[in-house]
Amino acid sequence: MQLFLAALPIIFLLVLMTVFKWSGRRAGILSWFVALIISAIFFGLTPQVWLVSQLKGLIFSLYVLAILWPALLLYNLNNQVGGIQALTAWLSELVPDRSLLVILLAWPFSSILEGIAGFGVPIAVSAPMLVSLGISPFLAVVASAVGHTWSVTFGNMGVVFQSLVSLSGYSEAEILPYAALMMGIACLLCGLATAHVLGQKKRWKVIVLLAGIMAVVQYLVARIGISPLASFSASVVGLVLGILFSSGKQNRAQTIVFPKVLWGTLGSYSLLTLLTMVIFIDGPLKRWLYPVLWRQPFPEVITTSGFVTPAGFGQTFRWFAHPGSITCLVIVLSWLIFSRLKLAKPGDFRTAARQTYQGAFPATIGIIATVGLSVMMDHSGMMLLLAQGLSEVTGRVFPILSPIVGMLGTFATSSNTNSNVLFVSLQKQVAGLIGILPVILVASQTAGGSLGSMIAPAKLIVGCSNVGLVGKEGQVLRRTLPYGISIGIIIGITGLVISLIG
């Protein structure tokens, strides 16, 4: 009974979004109240535990929103001056094969964005580009959501993988072979799933070729000690090879024209990439900027049923190294570039800001509600009970469902990192109980957490808000969920086989 009650808020959220097609905002708010009632009556939630959990959730929500709002403003600003259309047209010239182009945009291109930003930005940018090529907004969001998730563990400039190393107690060298293998398989499966969503299943040979190369590049870059650039580098190689493959097939020799607006947008996003890499890669600038931070300490809290959440800190804000801060700087510089090139009209910035508000405000409510729900479940012990119950039911075959636990964490928190925070310790404990190498389940955990990005309501809200699908996140979730679970189980079977061989 306790296990069912612990799962009820998540079941409620899933049913409202997938069956009744509620928006993430409405479903998140109502599910938050369901979690509040259940945790208070059955799990001993106290006012202090509730307050600490919601403050932590609010701080994390603000962290995500401080990325979302500037990212959408940068996109809308580029779109307002015609840059996104020019970028899409340029890629269309480079890749005249439309069936391959849409796959490249939803798969390696969106993964490049995950490598430098994350938190829904890949969907927010690549989905509108797919729409401009004639893909329906719904399929554009689904394809982008599915396509980029393989790159999350080694994306976001290494934040996820580095935190995984810290949480697990294993070295990069110990985790890397297992994580790279699992994410390499995910790269292939996400590519094939993307082609399936877009109705391009016949391109499977190209996808297999590109996925193999991307997986190897990701492993090699991480292996030589540059894990923050692993998925980014792999995605760039995949996109470039896809372009070259298309060019070779077409035998084209015409000169491609670069209009000023294209230079402006390429400069805008190239600057974002460059600044992010310079700041996040270990060096003098990172060592100077990283110590400038704020993190709120929270006391230990205990429910009346005895579940303890240790004292600790909320989400860390590194003021000058936060992705949102970097994006804000790029917005200012981009506006100067557009003005210098005479691409922008006086009212363009105001129009872009209004479009950003219209798209981001509904997403803001949904993100705060779903994150608040997950942190409340975590602090009342419901999330841990769910994972423990799953491990007890499955026993020795738990590795098959290990990635699903990671997906559950990301679904609830919209963060692979937070999923790892919730469940890495549990995965290690279960590994000890069933007698397999713990690092295998640690790798499965983060692989599942990565795949969870395609079903995380907060990220889907971000993507839907940019293509006119506000309130349709449930329909998108209903489409992405089977892909996520299927790929997750395949990754889990891989983990089981490795554990049996080892």
Protein backbone atom coordinates (compact mmCIF):
# COMPACT_ATOMS: atom_id res chain seq x y z
CA MET A 1 0.00 0.00 0.00
CA GLN A 2 2.82 2.41 0.93
CA LEU A 3 4.52 1.72 -2.40
CA PHE A 4 1.35 2.50 -4.33
CA LEU A 5 0.81 5.72 -2.38
CA ALA A 6 4.42 6.76 -3.06
CA ALA A 7 3.89 6.23 -6.78
CA LEU A 8 0.46 7.90 -6.90
CA PRO A 9 1.58 11.53 -7.52
CA ILE A 10 3.73 10.45 -10.47
CA ILE A 11 1.00 8.16 -11.80
CA PHE A 12 -1.44 11.04 -11.42
CA LEU A 13 0.89 13.39 -13.32
CA LEU A 14 1.44 10.86 -16.12
CA VAL A 15 -2.27 10.08 -16.49
CA LEU A 16 -3.29 13.73 -16.56
CA MET A 17 -0.67 14.57 -19.20
CA THR A 18 -0.94 11.48 -21.42
CA VAL A 19 -4.54 10.28 -21.08
CA PHE A 20 -6.38 13.53 -20.39
CA LYS A 21 -3.89 15.64 -22.39
CA TRP A 22 -3.51 18.26 -19.68
CA SER A 23 -0.76 20.82 -19.94
CA GLY A 24 2.33 20.39 -17.79
CA ARG A 25 1.29 23.49 -15.86
CA ARG A 26 -2.19 22.26 -14.91
CA ALA A 27 -1.11 18.66 -14.31
CA GLY A 28 1.91 19.78 -12.30
CA ILE A 29 -0.10 22.03 -10.00
CA LEU A 30 -2.78 19.43 -9.28
CA SER A 31 -0.21 16.64 -8.83
CA TRP A 32 1.67 18.89 -6.41
CA PHE A 33 -1.45 19.08 -4.23
CA VAL A 34 -1.89 15.29 -4.45
CA ALA A 35 1.72 14.80 -3.32
CA LEU A 36 1.20 17.29 -0.49
CA ILE A 37 -1.87 15.47 0.84
CA ILE A 38 -0.36 11.98 0.56
CA SER A 39 3.00 12.93 2.05
CA ALA A 40 1.33 14.76 4.95
CA ILE A 41 -1.11 11.97 5.82
CA PHE A 42 0.92 8.84 5.09
CA PHE A 43 4.62 9.83 5.08
CA GLY A 44 4.88 12.23 8.00
CA LEU A 45 5.52 15.47 6.12
CA THR A 46 5.92 18.32 8.61
CA PRO A 47 5.69 22.08 7.95
CA GLN A 48 9.48 22.36 8.30
CA VAL A 49 10.15 19.51 5.86
CA TRP A 50 7.63 21.01 3.43
CA LEU A 51 9.18 24.48 3.68
CA VAL A 52 12.74 23.25 3.16
CA SER A 53 11.73 21.08 0.21
CA GLN A 54 9.83 23.86 -1.52
CA LEU A 55 12.59 26.41 -1.01
CA LYS A 56 15.08 23.97 -2.51
CA GLY A 57 12.70 23.33 -5.39
CA LEU A 58 12.18 27.03 -5.97
CA ILE A 59 15.93 27.68 -6.04
CA PHE A 60 16.47 24.91 -8.56
CA SER A 61 13.54 26.17 -10.64
CA LEU A 62 15.09 29.63 -10.70
CA TYR A 63 18.37 28.06 -11.82
CA VAL A 64 16.61 26.41 -14.77
CA LEU A 65 14.49 29.46 -15.56
CA ALA A 66 17.60 31.65 -15.58
CA ILE A 67 18.72 29.48 -18.50
CA LEU A 68 15.34 29.16 -20.20
CA TRP A 69 14.39 32.84 -20.42
CA PRO A 70 17.71 34.10 -21.88
CA ALA A 71 17.92 31.11 -24.25
CA LEU A 72 14.44 31.82 -25.62
CA LEU A 73 15.19 35.53 -25.88
CA LEU A 74 18.37 34.83 -27.85
CA TYR A 75 16.44 32.53 -30.17
CA ASN A 76 13.58 35.01 -30.63
CA LEU A 77 16.03 37.83 -31.28
CA ASN A 78 17.77 35.82 -33.99
CA ASN A 79 14.42 34.75 -35.37
CA GLN A 80 13.13 38.32 -35.41
CA VAL A 81 15.96 39.51 -37.65
CA GLY A 82 15.58 36.48 -39.95
CA GLY A 83 18.62 34.60 -38.71
CA ILE A 84 16.93 31.28 -37.93
CA GLN A 85 15.36 31.19 -41.38
CA ALA A 86 18.73 31.99 -42.93
CA LEU A 87 20.44 29.28 -40.88
CA THR A 88 17.83 26.75 -41.92
CA ALA A 89 18.15 27.79 -45.57
CA TRP A 90 21.94 27.50 -45.35
CA LEU A 91 21.75 24.00 -43.92
CA SER A 92 19.20 23.13 -46.61
CA GLU A 93 21.75 24.14 -49.24
CA LEU A 94 24.47 22.13 -47.55
CA VAL A 95 22.14 19.13 -47.19
CA PRO A 96 19.72 19.19 -50.13
CA ASP A 97 18.48 15.74 -49.13
CA ARG A 98 15.58 16.85 -46.91
CA SER A 99 15.08 13.39 -45.41
CA LEU A 100 18.64 13.46 -44.09
CA LEU A 101 18.53 17.14 -43.12
CA VAL A 102 15.61 16.76 -40.71
CA ILE A 103 17.37 13.82 -39.01
CA LEU A 104 20.59 15.83 -38.66
CA LEU A 105 18.73 18.78 -37.12
CA ALA A 106 16.81 16.65 -34.61
CA TRP A 107 19.74 14.38 -33.73
CA PRO A 108 23.37 15.65 -33.90
CA PHE A 109 22.47 19.35 -34.20
CA SER A 110 20.22 19.30 -31.13
CA SER A 111 22.94 17.31 -29.34
CA ILE A 112 25.46 20.08 -30.07
CA LEU A 113 23.15 22.43 -28.19
CA GLU A 114 22.91 19.91 -25.33
CA GLY A 115 26.68 19.82 -25.22
CA ILE A 116 26.93 23.56 -24.55
CA ALA A 117 23.69 24.43 -22.78
CA GLY A 118 21.13 21.71 -22.00
CA PHE A 119 18.00 22.29 -19.88
CA GLY A 120 15.56 22.23 -22.82
CA VAL A 121 17.56 24.53 -25.09
CA PRO A 122 18.13 21.75 -27.70
CA ILE A 123 14.39 21.34 -28.17
CA ALA A 124 13.71 25.08 -28.03
CA VAL A 125 16.13 25.80 -30.89
CA SER A 126 15.99 22.74 -33.16
CA ALA A 127 12.21 22.21 -33.11
CA PRO A 128 11.39 25.60 -34.73
CA MET A 129 14.01 24.89 -37.42
CA LEU A 130 12.27 21.61 -38.20
CA VAL A 131 8.94 23.42 -38.36
CA SER A 132 10.39 25.83 -40.92
CA LEU A 133 11.22 22.77 -43.06
CA GLY A 134 7.60 21.64 -43.06
CA ILE A 135 7.64 19.26 -40.10
CA SER A 136 4.57 19.61 -37.90
CA PRO A 137 5.23 21.38 -34.57
CA PHE A 138 4.19 18.24 -32.67
CA LEU A 139 6.59 15.93 -34.50
CA ALA A 140 9.32 18.57 -34.39
CA VAL A 141 9.21 18.67 -30.58
CA VAL A 142 8.99 14.88 -30.29
CA ALA A 143 11.93 14.33 -32.66
CA SER A 144 14.11 16.93 -30.95
CA ALA A 145 13.24 15.59 -27.50
CA VAL A 146 14.16 12.05 -28.52
CA GLY A 147 17.15 12.97 -30.65
CA HIS A 148 19.30 14.84 -28.15
CA THR A 149 18.94 12.68 -25.05
CA TRP A 150 21.85 10.31 -25.74
CA SER A 151 24.23 13.26 -25.25
CA VAL A 152 23.05 14.45 -21.83
CA THR A 153 25.43 12.43 -19.62
CA PHE A 154 28.50 13.78 -21.41
CA GLY A 155 26.80 17.08 -22.28
CA ASN A 156 26.23 20.42 -20.58
CA MET A 157 30.00 21.00 -20.60
CA GLY A 158 30.60 17.94 -18.42
CA VAL A 159 28.44 19.02 -15.48
CA VAL A 160 26.49 15.74 -15.32
CA PHE A 161 29.47 13.40 -15.66
CA GLN A 162 31.65 15.33 -13.23
CA SER A 163 28.90 15.33 -10.61
CA LEU A 164 28.39 11.59 -11.20
CA VAL A 165 32.08 10.99 -10.46
CA SER A 166 31.79 12.98 -7.23
CA LEU A 167 28.57 11.27 -6.12
CA SER A 168 29.64 7.70 -6.89
CA GLY A 169 33.13 7.78 -5.44
CA TYR A 170 34.50 6.14 -8.58
CA SER A 171 37.10 7.72 -10.84
CA GLU A 172 36.36 8.83 -14.40
CA ALA A 173 38.45 5.93 -15.68
CA GLU A 174 36.33 3.41 -13.75
CA ILE A 175 32.95 4.75 -14.91
CA LEU A 176 33.87 5.76 -18.46
CA PRO A 177 33.97 2.34 -20.23
CA TYR A 178 30.50 1.37 -19.01
CA ALA A 179 28.90 4.80 -19.39
CA ALA A 180 30.42 5.34 -22.84
CA LEU A 181 29.21 1.93 -24.05
CA MET A 182 25.68 2.53 -22.81
CA MET A 183 25.51 6.07 -24.17
CA GLY A 184 26.96 4.85 -27.48
CA ILE A 185 24.12 2.35 -27.77
CA ALA A 186 21.71 5.12 -26.80
CA CYS A 187 23.18 7.30 -29.55
CA LEU A 188 22.28 4.68 -32.15
CA LEU A 189 18.83 3.98 -30.73
CA CYS A 190 17.97 7.67 -30.36
CA GLY A 191 19.02 8.23 -33.97
CA LEU A 192 16.83 5.37 -35.18
CA ALA A 193 13.94 6.55 -33.02
CA THR A 194 14.29 10.09 -34.40
CA ALA A 195 14.13 8.73 -37.95
CA HIS A 196 11.03 6.74 -36.99
CA VAL A 197 9.32 9.83 -35.58
CA LEU A 198 10.10 11.81 -38.74
CA GLY A 199 9.03 9.01 -41.08
CA GLN A 200 12.55 8.47 -42.41
CA LYS A 201 13.15 4.85 -41.40
CA LYS A 202 14.88 4.13 -44.74
CA ARG A 203 17.88 6.20 -43.63
CA TRP A 204 18.90 3.59 -41.05
CA LYS A 205 22.21 2.78 -42.79
CA VAL A 206 23.41 6.38 -42.52
CA ILE A 207 22.26 6.52 -38.90
CA VAL A 208 24.15 3.34 -38.00
CA LEU A 209 27.32 4.70 -39.64
CA LEU A 210 27.10 8.13 -37.97
CA ALA A 211 26.13 6.65 -34.59
CA GLY A 212 29.14 4.33 -34.61
CA ILE A 213 31.51 7.18 -35.35
CA MET A 214 29.86 9.54 -32.84
CA ALA A 215 30.00 6.90 -30.09
CA VAL A 216 33.71 6.29 -30.69
CA VAL A 217 34.50 10.03 -30.78
CA GLN A 218 32.58 10.58 -27.53
CA TYR A 219 34.54 7.80 -25.81
CA LEU A 220 37.94 8.92 -27.14
CA VAL A 221 37.44 12.58 -26.20
CA ALA A 222 36.37 11.59 -22.68
CA ARG A 223 39.18 9.03 -22.51
CA ILE A 224 41.88 11.65 -23.10
CA GLY A 225 40.50 13.69 -20.22
CA ILE A 226 38.24 16.22 -21.96
CA SER A 227 34.88 14.84 -20.83
CA PRO A 228 33.23 18.32 -20.86
CA LEU A 229 33.56 18.29 -24.66
CA ALA A 230 32.81 14.60 -25.26
CA SER A 231 29.23 14.71 -26.55
CA PHE A 232 29.72 18.16 -28.08
CA SER A 233 32.67 16.93 -30.14
CA ALA A 234 30.86 13.75 -31.13
CA SER A 235 27.79 15.72 -32.24
CA VAL A 236 29.85 18.17 -34.29
CA VAL A 237 31.60 15.27 -36.03
CA GLY A 238 28.24 13.63 -36.70
CA LEU A 239 26.75 16.80 -38.17
CA VAL A 240 29.79 17.52 -40.35
CA LEU A 241 29.95 13.94 -41.64
CA GLY A 242 26.23 14.04 -42.39
CA ILE A 243 26.72 17.23 -44.39
CA LEU A 244 29.70 15.75 -46.24
CA PHE A 245 27.81 12.56 -46.95
CA SER A 246 24.93 14.52 -48.46
CA SER A 247 27.29 16.71 -50.49
CA GLY A 248 29.06 13.67 -51.87
CA LYS A 249 25.80 12.07 -52.90
CA GLN A 250 24.60 15.18 -54.69
CA ASN A 251 27.91 16.04 -56.39
CA ARG A 252 27.13 19.74 -56.03
CA ALA A 253 29.62 22.40 -57.00
CA GLN A 254 27.63 25.60 -56.66
CA THR A 255 28.85 28.37 -54.41
CA ILE A 256 26.76 28.92 -51.29
CA VAL A 257 25.93 32.55 -50.57
CA PHE A 258 26.35 33.83 -47.01
CA PRO A 259 23.98 36.76 -46.39
CA LYS A 260 24.73 39.18 -43.58
CA VAL A 261 21.90 37.87 -41.44
CA LEU A 262 23.39 34.36 -41.61
CA TRP A 263 26.77 35.69 -40.52
CA GLY A 264 25.03 37.47 -37.67
CA THR A 265 23.26 34.36 -36.38
CA LEU A 266 26.29 32.12 -36.88
CA GLY A 267 28.31 34.71 -34.98
CA SER A 268 25.70 34.83 -32.22
CA TYR A 269 25.61 31.09 -31.54
CA SER A 270 29.32 30.60 -32.23
CA LEU A 271 30.02 33.25 -29.60
CA LEU A 272 27.77 31.40 -27.15
CA THR A 273 29.65 28.17 -27.87
CA LEU A 274 33.07 29.78 -27.56
CA LEU A 275 32.33 31.63 -24.33
CA THR A 276 30.76 28.54 -22.76
CA MET A 277 33.76 26.39 -23.64
CA VAL A 278 36.28 28.98 -22.46
CA ILE A 279 34.51 29.40 -19.12
CA PHE A 280 33.67 25.75 -18.43
CA ILE A 281 36.94 24.12 -19.48
CA ASP A 282 39.50 24.04 -16.70
CA GLY A 283 41.81 27.01 -16.95
CA PRO A 284 42.61 30.43 -15.46
CA LEU A 285 39.22 31.94 -16.36
CA LYS A 286 37.28 29.06 -14.79
CA ARG A 287 39.41 29.19 -11.66
CA TRP A 288 38.73 32.93 -11.42
CA LEU A 289 34.97 32.84 -12.09
CA TYR A 290 33.89 29.61 -10.37
CA PRO A 291 34.54 30.74 -6.77
CA VAL A 292 32.04 33.59 -7.25
CA LEU A 293 28.93 31.72 -6.16
CA TRP A 294 25.88 31.62 -3.93
CA ARG A 295 24.33 28.57 -2.33
CA GLN A 296 21.76 28.55 0.41
CA PRO A 297 22.41 26.21 3.35
CA PHE A 298 19.49 24.16 4.65
CA PRO A 299 19.17 22.34 7.99
CA GLU A 300 18.56 18.65 8.50
CA VAL A 301 14.85 17.83 8.46
CA ILE A 302 13.01 14.73 9.67
CA THR A 303 9.50 13.57 8.92
CA THR A 304 7.33 12.21 11.73
CA SER A 305 7.82 8.75 10.20
CA GLY A 306 11.58 9.09 10.72
CA PHE A 307 12.86 9.81 7.20
CA VAL A 308 15.92 12.07 7.43
CA THR A 309 17.10 14.55 4.83
CA PRO A 310 20.62 15.59 5.88
CA ALA A 311 21.67 19.21 6.13
CA GLY A 312 23.09 20.55 2.91
CA PHE A 313 22.97 23.22 0.27
CA GLY A 314 20.47 24.10 -2.40
CA GLN A 315 21.36 24.52 -6.08
CA THR A 316 24.64 26.40 -6.49
CA PHE A 317 24.54 29.62 -8.51
CA ARG A 318 27.87 30.55 -10.06
CA TRP A 319 27.03 34.08 -11.08
CA PHE A 320 29.57 34.48 -13.87
CA ALA A 321 29.68 30.83 -14.97
CA HIS A 322 25.95 30.20 -15.08
CA PRO A 323 24.72 29.34 -18.63
CA GLY A 324 22.09 32.07 -18.30
CA SER A 325 24.71 34.71 -17.48
CA ILE A 326 26.74 33.71 -20.52
CA THR A 327 23.64 33.80 -22.69
CA CYS A 328 22.72 37.28 -21.41
CA LEU A 329 26.16 38.53 -22.40
CA VAL A 330 25.74 36.97 -25.83
CA ILE A 331 22.33 38.65 -26.19
CA VAL A 332 23.90 42.06 -25.63
CA LEU A 333 26.76 41.34 -28.03
CA SER A 334 24.37 39.86 -30.61
CA TRP A 335 22.21 42.97 -30.50
CA LEU A 336 25.31 45.08 -31.10
CA ILE A 337 26.27 42.84 -34.02
CA PHE A 338 22.77 43.02 -35.53
CA SER A 339 22.68 46.79 -35.10
CA ARG A 340 26.14 47.19 -36.63
CA LEU A 341 25.16 45.07 -39.62
CA LYS A 342 21.89 47.02 -39.85
CA LEU A 343 19.86 43.83 -39.55
CA ALA A 344 17.68 44.92 -36.63
CA LYS A 345 14.91 47.48 -36.60
CA PRO A 346 14.20 49.62 -33.50
CA GLY A 347 11.25 47.53 -32.35
CA ASP A 348 12.80 44.10 -32.91
CA PHE A 349 14.18 43.69 -29.41
CA ARG A 350 10.84 44.63 -27.83
CA THR A 351 9.03 42.16 -30.10
CA ALA A 352 11.50 39.39 -29.23
CA ALA A 353 11.07 40.14 -25.51
CA ARG A 354 7.27 39.97 -25.81
CA GLN A 355 7.47 36.64 -27.66
CA THR A 356 9.79 35.33 -24.96
CA TYR A 357 7.36 36.31 -22.22
CA GLN A 358 4.43 34.70 -24.03
CA GLY A 359 6.32 31.44 -24.44
CA ALA A 360 8.24 31.30 -21.17
CA PHE A 361 5.67 32.41 -18.61
CA PRO A 362 3.40 29.33 -18.92
CA ALA A 363 6.52 27.16 -18.89
CA THR A 364 7.67 28.91 -15.72
CA ILE A 365 4.58 27.87 -13.76
CA GLY A 366 4.86 24.29 -14.97
CA ILE A 367 8.54 24.03 -14.08
CA ILE A 368 8.04 25.41 -10.56
CA ALA A 369 5.12 23.03 -9.94
CA THR A 370 6.79 19.84 -11.22
CA VAL A 371 10.12 20.54 -9.52
CA GLY A 372 8.32 21.39 -6.26
CA LEU A 373 6.42 18.10 -6.55
CA SER A 374 9.59 16.05 -7.00
CA VAL A 375 11.55 17.66 -4.16
CA MET A 376 8.60 17.21 -1.79
CA MET A 377 8.45 13.51 -2.72
CA ASP A 378 12.19 13.20 -2.20
CA HIS A 379 12.16 14.85 1.25
CA SER A 380 9.23 12.76 2.45
CA GLY A 381 10.94 9.50 1.46
CA MET A 382 8.49 8.62 -1.31
CA MET A 383 11.08 8.64 -4.10
CA LEU A 384 13.49 6.36 -2.23
CA LEU A 385 10.66 3.99 -1.35
CA LEU A 386 9.74 3.71 -5.02
CA ALA A 387 13.25 2.77 -6.06
CA GLN A 388 13.69 0.33 -3.18
CA GLY A 389 10.38 -1.33 -3.95
CA LEU A 390 11.38 -1.74 -7.58
CA SER A 391 14.69 -3.35 -6.61
CA GLU A 392 13.02 -5.76 -4.17
CA VAL A 393 10.49 -6.91 -6.76
CA THR A 394 13.04 -7.49 -9.53
CA GLY A 395 15.94 -9.00 -7.57
CA ARG A 396 18.83 -10.31 -9.72
CA VAL A 397 17.35 -8.90 -12.93
CA PHE A 398 17.26 -5.40 -11.44
CA PRO A 399 19.93 -4.20 -13.94
CA ILE A 400 17.26 -4.35 -16.67
CA LEU A 401 15.19 -1.76 -14.81
CA SER A 402 18.13 0.20 -13.40
CA PRO A 403 17.94 2.80 -16.22
CA ILE A 404 14.20 3.15 -15.58
CA VAL A 405 15.03 4.29 -12.04
CA GLY A 406 17.31 6.93 -13.58
CA MET A 407 14.52 7.96 -15.95
CA LEU A 408 12.14 8.24 -13.00
CA GLY A 409 14.53 10.66 -11.31
CA THR A 410 14.83 12.86 -14.39
CA PHE A 411 11.10 12.73 -15.03
CA ALA A 412 10.54 14.03 -11.52
CA THR A 413 13.35 16.60 -11.35
CA SER A 414 13.99 17.43 -15.06
CA SER A 415 17.71 16.96 -14.37
CA ASN A 416 20.05 14.04 -14.99
CA THR A 417 22.31 15.46 -12.30
CA ASN A 418 19.49 15.54 -9.74
CA SER A 419 18.43 12.03 -10.73
CA ASN A 420 21.95 10.88 -9.96
CA VAL A 421 21.84 12.73 -6.65
CA LEU A 422 18.66 10.86 -5.76
CA PHE A 423 19.57 7.36 -6.86
CA VAL A 424 23.32 6.75 -7.26
CA SER A 425 23.63 5.65 -3.63
CA LEU A 426 20.60 3.38 -4.00
CA GLN A 427 22.00 1.80 -7.18
CA LYS A 428 25.26 1.03 -5.38
CA GLN A 429 23.40 -0.50 -2.44
CA VAL A 430 21.26 -2.69 -4.69
CA ALA A 431 24.37 -3.82 -6.59
CA GLY A 432 25.88 -4.98 -3.32
CA LEU A 433 22.71 -6.85 -2.35
CA ILE A 434 22.41 -8.73 -5.65
CA GLY A 435 26.15 -9.29 -6.04
CA ILE A 436 27.20 -7.34 -9.13
CA LEU A 437 29.81 -4.67 -9.76
CA PRO A 438 28.27 -1.39 -8.47
CA VAL A 439 29.87 0.76 -11.18
CA ILE A 440 27.70 -1.03 -13.77
CA LEU A 441 24.52 0.19 -12.11
CA VAL A 442 26.03 3.64 -11.62
CA ALA A 443 26.53 3.82 -15.39
CA SER A 444 23.01 2.47 -16.00
CA GLN A 445 21.63 5.08 -13.62
CA THR A 446 23.11 8.01 -15.50
CA ALA A 447 22.23 6.46 -18.88
CA GLY A 448 18.61 6.24 -17.78
CA GLY A 449 18.79 9.75 -16.34
CA SER A 450 20.00 10.98 -19.70
CA LEU A 451 17.15 9.28 -21.56
CA GLY A 452 14.72 10.74 -19.04
CA SER A 453 15.18 14.12 -20.68
CA MET A 454 12.78 13.06 -23.42
CA ILE A 455 9.96 12.61 -20.88
CA ALA A 456 10.79 15.35 -18.34
CA PRO A 457 7.71 17.64 -18.22
CA ALA A 458 9.73 20.79 -17.53
CA LYS A 459 11.89 20.25 -20.63
CA LEU A 460 8.91 19.39 -22.82
CA ILE A 461 7.22 22.57 -21.63
CA VAL A 462 10.25 24.54 -22.81
CA GLY A 463 10.15 22.90 -26.24
CA CYS A 464 6.41 23.27 -26.71
CA SER A 465 6.47 26.93 -25.71
CA ASN A 466 8.63 27.80 -28.71
CA VAL A 467 6.54 26.26 -31.48
CA GLY A 468 3.03 27.27 -30.43
CA LEU A 469 2.20 24.08 -28.54
CA VAL A 470 1.73 25.58 -25.08
CA GLY A 471 -0.49 23.20 -23.12
CA LYS A 472 0.21 20.23 -25.43
CA GLU A 473 3.08 18.76 -23.41
CA GLY A 474 0.96 15.76 -22.40
CA GLN A 475 0.48 14.74 -26.02
CA VAL A 476 4.21 15.02 -26.62
CA LEU A 477 4.93 12.97 -23.48
CA ARG A 478 2.56 10.26 -24.62
CA ARG A 479 4.63 9.95 -27.83
CA THR A 480 8.11 10.13 -26.27
CA LEU A 481 7.39 7.82 -23.33
CA PRO A 482 7.40 4.52 -25.30
CA TYR A 483 10.71 5.45 -26.97
CA GLY A 484 12.26 6.31 -23.62
CA ILE A 485 11.14 3.13 -21.89
CA SER A 486 12.12 0.91 -24.85
CA ILE A 487 15.62 2.38 -25.15
CA GLY A 488 16.00 2.32 -21.37
CA ILE A 489 15.19 -1.40 -21.20
CA ILE A 490 17.68 -2.15 -23.99
CA ILE A 491 20.34 -0.26 -22.03
CA GLY A 492 19.28 -2.23 -18.95
CA ILE A 493 19.66 -5.54 -20.79
CA THR A 494 23.13 -4.39 -21.80
CA GLY A 495 23.95 -3.77 -18.15
CA LEU A 496 22.62 -7.20 -17.19
CA VAL A 497 24.75 -8.92 -19.83
CA ILE A 498 27.83 -7.02 -18.69
CA SER A 499 27.16 -8.02 -15.09
CA LEU A 500 26.78 -11.69 -16.05
CA ILE A 501 29.95 -11.68 -18.15
CA GLY A 502 31.88 -9.86 -15.42
